Amino acid sequence: MMLNELQQRFSQALRYQSTGEDCDILSDHFSAIDRIQIYRNNFVVSLSEVLAACYPITRQLVGDECFDSMAKHHITQHPPLSGNVMTYGVGFADSVSQLENITLAVPYLLDVMSIEWSLDELQRAEDVPLNQGLEPVTNLTSVPESQHSDLVFHVKPSSHLIHSDYAIGSLFHAVKDNEFDHLDINKAETLLMVKRGSAQPTLHILNNQLQQLWVEISDGNPLRKINPSLLSELPNLLTLDIVAGFTLFNESNPRSMV
């Protein structure tokens, strides 16, 4: 057979869609089935390890055996299309969504997987250069009090807001600390995902006021246009290290930086 046909059959055999004989694998003291199974095992195990590295919380939640079954389902249905497996986990949650016996038993699992993949993507993302026209937060003390209402804070591009109908942030902390006594998984949470340099991204659980304040600031609003009841959370927002710097609002030209 032609080389491209052989490669296609071998690829199908790795995914249990053809046999060793279809690939012209010879049988002697090891059958063609035994020989192709060696390749299948290596193929599935190596890619399962890639998925496990992307989804450690998911693996802990469902257990090794269940995770390996989920991984095998994804691998056989959606094999990698290139030799670069860094982004191979992108569709894992979509594959798991087809496994109703698992998603019905663990209804919050897909949210966990979505957040784990977002964390993995954020970890691999290149740092976005910050606007050079921003004043550092340490210079706030030099701003006259009369101009405090004109302050415009700018959030770092490496911070992202995520909402879940489940207490996923609390669940992540519970898994890390192995402490589940006070976990109410059915409580909705809003999470802020933050990357700081080369460190692993972190998750922060935001209350409603802090969430609204983050949205207002992300929209580029000066402090005077933000509900004063939200500004009590400003010190807490600053401690999260998500503010890249500040400018002063110019009424005649809102986009200019003073």
C-alpha atoms as a PDB file:
ATOM      1  CA  MET A   1       0.000   0.000   0.000  1.00  0.00           C
ATOM      2  CA  MET A   2       1.053   3.639  -0.411  1.00  0.00           C
ATOM      3  CA  LEU A   3       2.752   5.380   2.523  1.00  0.00           C
ATOM      4  CA  ASN A   4      -0.090   7.857   3.115  1.00  0.00           C
ATOM      5  CA  GLU A   5      -2.601   5.006   3.217  1.00  0.00           C
ATOM      6  CA  LEU A   6      -0.412   3.099   5.687  1.00  0.00           C
ATOM      7  CA  GLN A   7      -0.119   6.195   7.893  1.00  0.00           C
ATOM      8  CA  GLN A   8      -3.887   6.693   7.818  1.00  0.00           C
ATOM      9  CA  ARG A   9      -4.580   3.084   8.766  1.00  0.00           C
ATOM     10  CA  PHE A  10      -1.999   3.200  11.557  1.00  0.00           C
ATOM     11  CA  SER A  11      -3.592   6.375  12.911  1.00  0.00           C
ATOM     12  CA  GLN A  12      -6.990   4.659  12.829  1.00  0.00           C
ATOM     13  CA  ALA A  13      -5.569   1.582  14.537  1.00  0.00           C
ATOM     14  CA  LEU A  14      -4.247   3.722  17.390  1.00  0.00           C
ATOM     15  CA  ARG A  15      -7.841   4.885  17.915  1.00  0.00           C
ATOM     16  CA  TYR A  16      -9.269   1.347  17.720  1.00  0.00           C
ATOM     17  CA  GLN A  17     -10.792   2.029  14.294  1.00  0.00           C
ATOM     18  CA  SER A  18      -8.744  -0.567  12.413  1.00  0.00           C
ATOM     19  CA  THR A  19      -6.623  -3.617  13.243  1.00  0.00           C
ATOM     20  CA  GLY A  20      -2.960  -4.476  13.218  1.00  0.00           C
ATOM     21  CA  GLU A  21      -3.466  -6.604  10.134  1.00  0.00           C
ATOM     22  CA  ASP A  22      -4.846  -3.562   8.307  1.00  0.00           C
ATOM     23  CA  CYS A  23      -1.470  -1.919   8.880  1.00  0.00           C
ATOM     24  CA  ASP A  24       0.458  -4.934   7.508  1.00  0.00           C
ATOM     25  CA  ILE A  25       1.832  -5.699  10.979  1.00  0.00           C
ATOM     26  CA  LEU A  26       3.209  -9.229  10.979  1.00  0.00           C
ATOM     27  CA  SER A  27       2.300 -11.887  13.526  1.00  0.00           C
ATOM     28  CA  ASP A  28       4.892 -14.317  14.909  1.00  0.00           C
ATOM     29  CA  HIS A  29       5.334 -15.071  18.629  1.00  0.00           C
ATOM     30  CA  PHE A  30       3.386 -11.779  19.123  1.00  0.00           C
ATOM     31  CA  SER A  31       0.183 -11.331  17.210  1.00  0.00           C
ATOM     32  CA  ALA A  32      -0.526  -8.224  15.146  1.00  0.00           C
ATOM     33  CA  ILE A  33      -3.143  -7.302  17.757  1.00  0.00           C
ATOM     34  CA  ASP A  34      -0.581  -7.520  20.576  1.00  0.00           C
ATOM     35  CA  ARG A  35       1.899  -5.422  18.640  1.00  0.00           C
ATOM     36  CA  ILE A  36      -0.556  -2.644  17.758  1.00  0.00           C
ATOM     37  CA  GLN A  37      -1.795  -2.656  21.368  1.00  0.00           C
ATOM     38  CA  ILE A  38       1.684  -1.612  22.522  1.00  0.00           C
ATOM     39  CA  TYR A  39       1.475   1.449  20.301  1.00  0.00           C
ATOM     40  CA  ARG A  40      -2.088   2.122  21.428  1.00  0.00           C
ATOM     41  CA  ASN A  41      -1.098   2.005  25.083  1.00  0.00           C
ATOM     42  CA  ASN A  42       1.819   4.392  24.562  1.00  0.00           C
ATOM     43  CA  PHE A  43      -0.375   6.724  22.515  1.00  0.00           C
ATOM     44  CA  VAL A  44      -3.206   6.863  25.066  1.00  0.00           C
ATOM     45  CA  VAL A  45      -0.981   6.961  28.157  1.00  0.00           C
ATOM     46  CA  SER A  46       1.240   9.772  26.876  1.00  0.00           C
ATOM     47  CA  LEU A  47      -1.712  11.950  25.874  1.00  0.00           C
ATOM     48  CA  SER A  48      -3.524  11.115  29.121  1.00  0.00           C
ATOM     49  CA  GLU A  49      -0.523  12.486  30.981  1.00  0.00           C
ATOM     50  CA  VAL A  50      -0.783  15.698  28.956  1.00  0.00           C
ATOM     51  CA  LEU A  51      -4.450  16.045  29.934  1.00  0.00           C
ATOM     52  CA  ALA A  52      -3.738  15.225  33.569  1.00  0.00           C
ATOM     53  CA  ALA A  53      -1.164  18.033  33.685  1.00  0.00           C
ATOM     54  CA  CYS A  54      -3.811  20.484  32.415  1.00  0.00           C
ATOM     55  CA  TYR A  55      -6.634  19.209  34.642  1.00  0.00           C
ATOM     56  CA  PRO A  56      -5.194  18.195  38.042  1.00  0.00           C
ATOM     57  CA  ILE A  57      -8.286  19.258  40.030  1.00  0.00           C
ATOM     58  CA  THR A  58     -10.563  17.362  37.657  1.00  0.00           C
ATOM     59  CA  ARG A  59      -8.455  14.244  38.119  1.00  0.00           C
ATOM     60  CA  GLN A  60      -8.626  14.514  41.901  1.00  0.00           C
ATOM     61  CA  LEU A  61     -12.401  15.008  41.826  1.00  0.00           C
ATOM     62  CA  VAL A  62     -13.295  12.029  39.655  1.00  0.00           C
ATOM     63  CA  GLY A  63     -10.416   9.705  40.571  1.00  0.00           C
ATOM     64  CA  ASP A  64      -7.699   8.158  38.428  1.00  0.00           C
ATOM     65  CA  GLU A  65      -9.810   5.415  36.864  1.00  0.00           C
ATOM     66  CA  CYS A  66     -12.638   7.710  35.800  1.00  0.00           C
ATOM     67  CA  PHE A  67     -10.219  10.350  34.539  1.00  0.00           C
ATOM     68  CA  ASP A  68      -8.341   7.790  32.453  1.00  0.00           C
ATOM     69  CA  SER A  69     -11.639   6.676  30.893  1.00  0.00           C
ATOM     70  CA  MET A  70     -12.558  10.278  30.117  1.00  0.00           C
ATOM     71  CA  ALA A  71      -9.111  10.869  28.628  1.00  0.00           C
ATOM     72  CA  LYS A  72      -9.282   7.725  26.487  1.00  0.00           C
ATOM     73  CA  HIS A  73     -12.694   8.790  25.170  1.00  0.00           C
ATOM     74  CA  HIS A  74     -11.313  12.203  24.189  1.00  0.00           C
ATOM     75  CA  ILE A  75      -8.098  10.809  22.683  1.00  0.00           C
ATOM     76  CA  THR A  76      -9.817   8.217  20.512  1.00  0.00           C
ATOM     77  CA  GLN A  77     -12.458  10.682  19.322  1.00  0.00           C
ATOM     78  CA  HIS A  78     -10.211  13.733  18.930  1.00  0.00           C
ATOM     79  CA  PRO A  79      -6.547  12.812  18.382  1.00  0.00           C
ATOM     80  CA  PRO A  80      -3.975  15.619  18.177  1.00  0.00           C
ATOM     81  CA  LEU A  81      -3.602  17.197  14.759  1.00  0.00           C
ATOM     82  CA  SER A  82       0.055  18.153  15.232  1.00  0.00           C
ATOM     83  CA  GLY A  83       3.106  17.143  17.207  1.00  0.00           C
ATOM     84  CA  ASN A  84       2.633  20.134  19.537  1.00  0.00           C
ATOM     85  CA  VAL A  85       0.429  18.923  22.396  1.00  0.00           C
ATOM     86  CA  MET A  86       0.636  22.105  24.498  1.00  0.00           C
ATOM     87  CA  THR A  87      -2.908  23.056  23.497  1.00  0.00           C
ATOM     88  CA  TYR A  88      -4.290  19.537  23.217  1.00  0.00           C
ATOM     89  CA  GLY A  89      -6.557  19.956  26.256  1.00  0.00           C
ATOM     90  CA  VAL A  90      -8.634  22.681  24.606  1.00  0.00           C
ATOM     91  CA  GLY A  91     -11.598  20.452  23.732  1.00  0.00           C
ATOM     92  CA  PHE A  92     -11.478  18.013  26.633  1.00  0.00           C
ATOM     93  CA  ALA A  93     -14.522  19.485  28.398  1.00  0.00           C
ATOM     94  CA  ASP A  94     -16.549  19.233  25.181  1.00  0.00           C
ATOM     95  CA  SER A  95     -15.731  15.527  24.963  1.00  0.00           C
ATOM     96  CA  VAL A  96     -16.633  14.954  28.618  1.00  0.00           C
ATOM     97  CA  SER A  97     -19.954  16.785  28.104  1.00  0.00           C
ATOM     98  CA  GLN A  98     -21.025  13.794  25.989  1.00  0.00           C
ATOM     99  CA  LEU A  99     -20.564  11.425  28.943  1.00  0.00           C
ATOM    100  CA  GLU A 100     -23.882  11.947  30.740  1.00  0.00           C
ATOM    101  CA  ASN A 101     -23.193   9.255  33.312  1.00  0.00           C
ATOM    102  CA  ILE A 102     -20.353  11.458  34.578  1.00  0.00           C
ATOM    103  CA  THR A 103     -21.804  14.937  34.100  1.00  0.00           C
ATOM    104  CA  LEU A 104     -25.083  13.981  35.807  1.00  0.00           C
ATOM    105  CA  ALA A 105     -23.167  12.577  38.779  1.00  0.00           C
ATOM    106  CA  VAL A 106     -20.858  15.624  38.965  1.00  0.00           C
ATOM    107  CA  PRO A 107     -22.876  18.519  37.464  1.00  0.00           C
ATOM    108  CA  TYR A 108     -20.215  21.113  38.278  1.00  0.00           C
ATOM    109  CA  LEU A 109     -17.422  19.152  36.564  1.00  0.00           C
ATOM    110  CA  LEU A 110     -17.604  21.028  33.249  1.00  0.00           C
ATOM    111  CA  ASP A 111     -17.230  24.370  35.071  1.00  0.00           C
ATOM    112  CA  VAL A 112     -14.181  23.010  36.875  1.00  0.00           C
ATOM    113  CA  MET A 113     -12.672  21.870  33.586  1.00  0.00           C
ATOM    114  CA  SER A 114     -13.427  25.189  31.885  1.00  0.00           C
ATOM    115  CA  ILE A 115     -11.663  27.128  34.629  1.00  0.00           C
ATOM    116  CA  GLU A 116      -8.715  24.733  34.716  1.00  0.00           C
ATOM    117  CA  TRP A 117      -8.216  25.165  30.973  1.00  0.00           C
ATOM    118  CA  SER A 118      -8.483  28.959  31.310  1.00  0.00           C
ATOM    119  CA  LEU A 119      -5.798  28.855  34.002  1.00  0.00           C
ATOM    120  CA  ASP A 120      -3.587  26.734  31.762  1.00  0.00           C
ATOM    121  CA  GLU A 121      -4.068  29.134  28.833  1.00  0.00           C
ATOM    122  CA  LEU A 122      -3.313  32.134  31.027  1.00  0.00           C
ATOM    123  CA  GLN A 123      -0.151  30.477  32.320  1.00  0.00           C
ATOM    124  CA  ARG A 124       1.117  29.946  28.766  1.00  0.00           C
ATOM    125  CA  ALA A 125       0.061  33.353  27.453  1.00  0.00           C
ATOM    126  CA  GLU A 126       2.751  35.898  26.719  1.00  0.00           C
ATOM    127  CA  ASP A 127       2.754  38.981  28.909  1.00  0.00           C
ATOM    128  CA  VAL A 128       1.000  41.944  27.286  1.00  0.00           C
ATOM    129  CA  PRO A 129       3.085  45.143  27.472  1.00  0.00           C
ATOM    130  CA  LEU A 130       1.580  47.699  29.827  1.00  0.00           C
ATOM    131  CA  ASN A 131       0.687  51.199  28.655  1.00  0.00           C
ATOM    132  CA  GLN A 132       3.775  53.330  29.143  1.00  0.00           C
ATOM    133  CA  GLY A 133       1.632  56.378  29.894  1.00  0.00           C
ATOM    134  CA  LEU A 134       0.337  54.982  33.184  1.00  0.00           C
ATOM    135  CA  GLU A 135       1.405  56.325  36.538  1.00  0.00           C
ATOM    136  CA  PRO A 136       2.383  53.574  39.003  1.00  0.00           C
ATOM    137  CA  VAL A 137       0.083  53.004  41.951  1.00  0.00           C
ATOM    138  CA  THR A 138       2.890  54.067  44.291  1.00  0.00           C
ATOM    139  CA  ASN A 139       2.481  57.634  42.940  1.00  0.00           C
ATOM    140  CA  LEU A 140      -1.073  57.951  44.261  1.00  0.00           C
ATOM    141  CA  THR A 141       0.199  59.910  47.240  1.00  0.00           C
ATOM    142  CA  SER A 142       1.295  62.708  44.890  1.00  0.00           C
ATOM    143  CA  VAL A 143      -2.243  63.222  43.525  1.00  0.00           C
ATOM    144  CA  PRO A 144      -3.992  66.188  45.208  1.00  0.00           C
ATOM    145  CA  GLU A 145      -7.173  65.284  47.056  1.00  0.00           C
ATOM    146  CA  SER A 146      -9.118  67.607  44.756  1.00  0.00           C
ATOM    147  CA  GLN A 147      -8.286  65.279  41.859  1.00  0.00           C
ATOM    148  CA  HIS A 148      -9.061  61.957  43.545  1.00  0.00           C
ATOM    149  CA  SER A 149     -12.450  61.793  41.829  1.00  0.00           C
ATOM    150  CA  ASP A 150     -10.664  62.012  38.455  1.00  0.00           C
ATOM    151  CA  LEU A 151      -8.552  58.933  39.081  1.00  0.00           C
ATOM    152  CA  VAL A 152      -8.890  56.231  36.442  1.00  0.00           C
ATOM    153  CA  PHE A 153      -7.389  52.888  37.383  1.00  0.00           C
ATOM    154  CA  HIS A 154      -6.292  50.492  34.631  1.00  0.00           C
ATOM    155  CA  VAL A 155      -6.462  46.745  35.245  1.00  0.00           C
ATOM    156  CA  LYS A 156      -3.729  44.459  34.014  1.00  0.00           C
ATOM    157  CA  PRO A 157      -4.631  42.461  30.895  1.00  0.00           C
ATOM    158  CA  SER A 158      -3.624  39.298  32.763  1.00  0.00           C
ATOM    159  CA  SER A 159      -6.733  39.386  34.987  1.00  0.00           C
ATOM    160  CA  HIS A 160     -10.035  37.831  33.921  1.00  0.00           C
ATOM    161  CA  LEU A 161     -13.478  37.600  35.525  1.00  0.00           C
ATOM    162  CA  ILE A 162     -15.346  34.267  35.501  1.00  0.00           C
ATOM    163  CA  HIS A 163     -18.805  33.440  36.848  1.00  0.00           C
ATOM    164  CA  SER A 164     -20.049  29.984  37.799  1.00  0.00           C
ATOM    165  CA  ASP A 165     -23.366  28.750  39.155  1.00  0.00           C
ATOM    166  CA  TYR A 166     -21.289  26.613  41.523  1.00  0.00           C
ATOM    167  CA  ALA A 167     -18.744  27.392  44.240  1.00  0.00           C
ATOM    168  CA  ILE A 168     -15.806  26.461  42.028  1.00  0.00           C
ATOM    169  CA  GLY A 169     -13.334  28.807  43.713  1.00  0.00           C
ATOM    170  CA  SER A 170     -14.176  27.375  47.129  1.00  0.00           C
ATOM    171  CA  LEU A 171     -13.930  23.895  45.640  1.00  0.00           C
ATOM    172  CA  PHE A 172     -10.418  24.575  44.319  1.00  0.00           C
ATOM    173  CA  HIS A 173      -9.343  25.760  47.780  1.00  0.00           C
ATOM    174  CA  ALA A 174     -11.035  22.759  49.430  1.00  0.00           C
ATOM    175  CA  VAL A 175      -9.199  20.319  47.159  1.00  0.00           C
ATOM    176  CA  LYS A 176      -5.895  22.071  47.785  1.00  0.00           C
ATOM    177  CA  ASP A 177      -6.387  22.033  51.580  1.00  0.00           C
ATOM    178  CA  ASN A 178      -8.239  18.687  51.651  1.00  0.00           C
ATOM    179  CA  GLU A 179     -10.964  20.373  53.694  1.00  0.00           C
ATOM    180  CA  PHE A 180     -14.543  19.951  52.455  1.00  0.00           C
ATOM    181  CA  ASP A 181     -16.567  20.300  55.664  1.00  0.00           C
ATOM    182  CA  HIS A 182     -17.844  23.825  54.975  1.00  0.00           C
ATOM    183  CA  LEU A 183     -18.112  23.626  51.182  1.00  0.00           C
ATOM    184  CA  ASP A 184     -21.513  24.495  49.692  1.00  0.00           C
ATOM    185  CA  ILE A 185     -20.967  23.583  46.050  1.00  0.00           C
ATOM    186  CA  ASN A 186     -24.386  24.898  44.953  1.00  0.00           C
ATOM    187  CA  LYS A 187     -23.536  28.480  45.884  1.00  0.00           C
ATOM    188  CA  ALA A 188     -22.770  30.638  42.812  1.00  0.00           C
ATOM    189  CA  GLU A 189     -19.401  32.394  42.778  1.00  0.00           C
ATOM    190  CA  THR A 190     -17.644  35.028  40.720  1.00  0.00           C
ATOM    191  CA  LEU A 191     -13.926  34.445  40.368  1.00  0.00           C
ATOM    192  CA  LEU A 192     -11.068  36.691  39.367  1.00  0.00           C
ATOM    193  CA  MET A 193      -8.241  34.900  37.597  1.00  0.00           C
ATOM    194  CA  VAL A 194      -4.891  36.675  37.993  1.00  0.00           C
ATOM    195  CA  LYS A 195      -1.451  35.989  36.550  1.00  0.00           C
ATOM    196  CA  ARG A 196       1.584  37.604  38.141  1.00  0.00           C
ATOM    197  CA  GLY A 197       4.748  37.242  36.103  1.00  0.00           C
ATOM    198  CA  SER A 198       5.874  33.647  35.662  1.00  0.00           C
ATOM    199  CA  ALA A 199       4.008  32.403  38.756  1.00  0.00           C
ATOM    200  CA  GLN A 200       1.008  30.085  38.474  1.00  0.00           C
ATOM    201  CA  PRO A 201      -2.246  32.037  37.984  1.00  0.00           C
ATOM    202  CA  THR A 202      -4.405  32.350  41.076  1.00  0.00           C
ATOM    203  CA  LEU A 203      -8.164  32.458  41.694  1.00  0.00           C
ATOM    204  CA  HIS A 204      -9.865  34.981  43.962  1.00  0.00           C
ATOM    205  CA  ILE A 205     -13.508  34.797  45.030  1.00  0.00           C
ATOM    206  CA  LEU A 206     -15.177  38.199  44.666  1.00  0.00           C
ATOM    207  CA  ASN A 207     -18.200  39.446  46.540  1.00  0.00           C
ATOM    208  CA  ASN A 208     -20.863  41.356  44.593  1.00  0.00           C
ATOM    209  CA  GLN A 209     -19.461  44.796  45.392  1.00  0.00           C
ATOM    210  CA  LEU A 210     -15.909  43.854  44.470  1.00  0.00           C
ATOM    211  CA  GLN A 211     -17.136  42.281  41.244  1.00  0.00           C
ATOM    212  CA  GLN A 212     -19.088  45.399  40.280  1.00  0.00           C
ATOM    213  CA  LEU A 213     -16.128  47.621  41.120  1.00  0.00           C
ATOM    214  CA  TRP A 214     -13.823  45.518  38.933  1.00  0.00           C
ATOM    215  CA  VAL A 215     -16.279  45.861  36.034  1.00  0.00           C
ATOM    216  CA  GLU A 216     -16.558  49.645  36.501  1.00  0.00           C
ATOM    217  CA  ILE A 217     -12.791  50.066  36.584  1.00  0.00           C
ATOM    218  CA  SER A 218     -12.284  47.698  33.647  1.00  0.00           C
ATOM    219  CA  ASP A 219     -14.683  49.896  31.660  1.00  0.00           C
ATOM    220  CA  GLY A 220     -12.356  52.868  32.219  1.00  0.00           C
ATOM    221  CA  ASN A 221     -14.646  54.865  34.496  1.00  0.00           C
ATOM    222  CA  PRO A 222     -13.133  57.546  36.760  1.00  0.00           C
ATOM    223  CA  LEU A 223     -13.897  57.234  40.456  1.00  0.00           C
ATOM    224  CA  ARG A 224     -16.469  60.022  40.316  1.00  0.00           C
ATOM    225  CA  LYS A 225     -18.640  57.985  37.936  1.00  0.00           C
ATOM    226  CA  ILE A 226     -18.594  54.901  40.143  1.00  0.00           C
ATOM    227  CA  ASN A 227     -21.228  54.312  42.815  1.00  0.00           C
ATOM    228  CA  PRO A 228     -19.668  55.516  46.113  1.00  0.00           C
ATOM    229  CA  SER A 229     -20.937  52.389  47.877  1.00  0.00           C
ATOM    230  CA  LEU A 230     -18.550  50.338  45.731  1.00  0.00           C
ATOM    231  CA  LEU A 231     -15.468  52.434  46.491  1.00  0.00           C
ATOM    232  CA  SER A 232     -15.156  50.960  49.984  1.00  0.00           C
ATOM    233  CA  GLU A 233     -13.838  47.853  48.197  1.00  0.00           C
ATOM    234  CA  LEU A 234     -11.084  49.784  46.384  1.00  0.00           C
ATOM    235  CA  PRO A 235      -8.358  48.934  48.955  1.00  0.00           C
ATOM    236  CA  ASN A 236      -9.264  45.245  48.613  1.00  0.00           C
ATOM    237  CA  LEU A 237      -9.076  45.488  44.830  1.00  0.00           C
ATOM    238  CA  LEU A 238      -5.643  47.091  45.018  1.00  0.00           C
ATOM    239  CA  THR A 239      -4.330  44.307  47.256  1.00  0.00           C
ATOM    240  CA  LEU A 240      -5.095  41.780  44.491  1.00  0.00           C
ATOM    241  CA  ASP A 241      -2.273  43.358  42.440  1.00  0.00           C
ATOM    242  CA  ILE A 242      -4.382  43.645  39.296  1.00  0.00           C
ATOM    243  CA  VAL A 243      -4.025  47.402  38.797  1.00  0.00           C
ATOM    244  CA  ALA A 244      -1.335  48.329  36.271  1.00  0.00           C
ATOM    245  CA  GLY A 245      -1.426  52.038  37.101  1.00  0.00           C
ATOM    246  CA  PHE A 246      -3.615  55.124  36.875  1.00  0.00           C
ATOM    247  CA  THR A 247      -4.340  58.217  34.801  1.00  0.00           C
ATOM    248  CA  LEU A 248      -6.427  61.309  35.439  1.00  0.00           C
ATOM    249  CA  PHE A 249      -9.749  61.732  33.647  1.00  0.00           C
ATOM    250  CA  ASN A 250      -9.966  64.623  31.180  1.00  0.00           C
ATOM    251  CA  GLU A 251     -13.587  65.723  30.709  1.00  0.00           C
ATOM    252  CA  SER A 252     -12.944  67.458  27.388  1.00  0.00           C
ATOM    253  CA  ASN A 253     -11.105  64.419  26.004  1.00  0.00           C
ATOM    254  CA  PRO A 254     -11.977  61.255  27.981  1.00  0.00           C
ATOM    255  CA  ARG A 255      -9.444  59.155  26.102  1.00  0.00           C
ATOM    256  CA  SER A 256      -6.505  61.405  26.877  1.00  0.00           C
ATOM    257  CA  MET A 257      -4.187  60.700  29.788  1.00  0.00           C
ATOM    258  CA  VAL A 258      -3.125  63.608  31.953  1.00  0.00           C
END
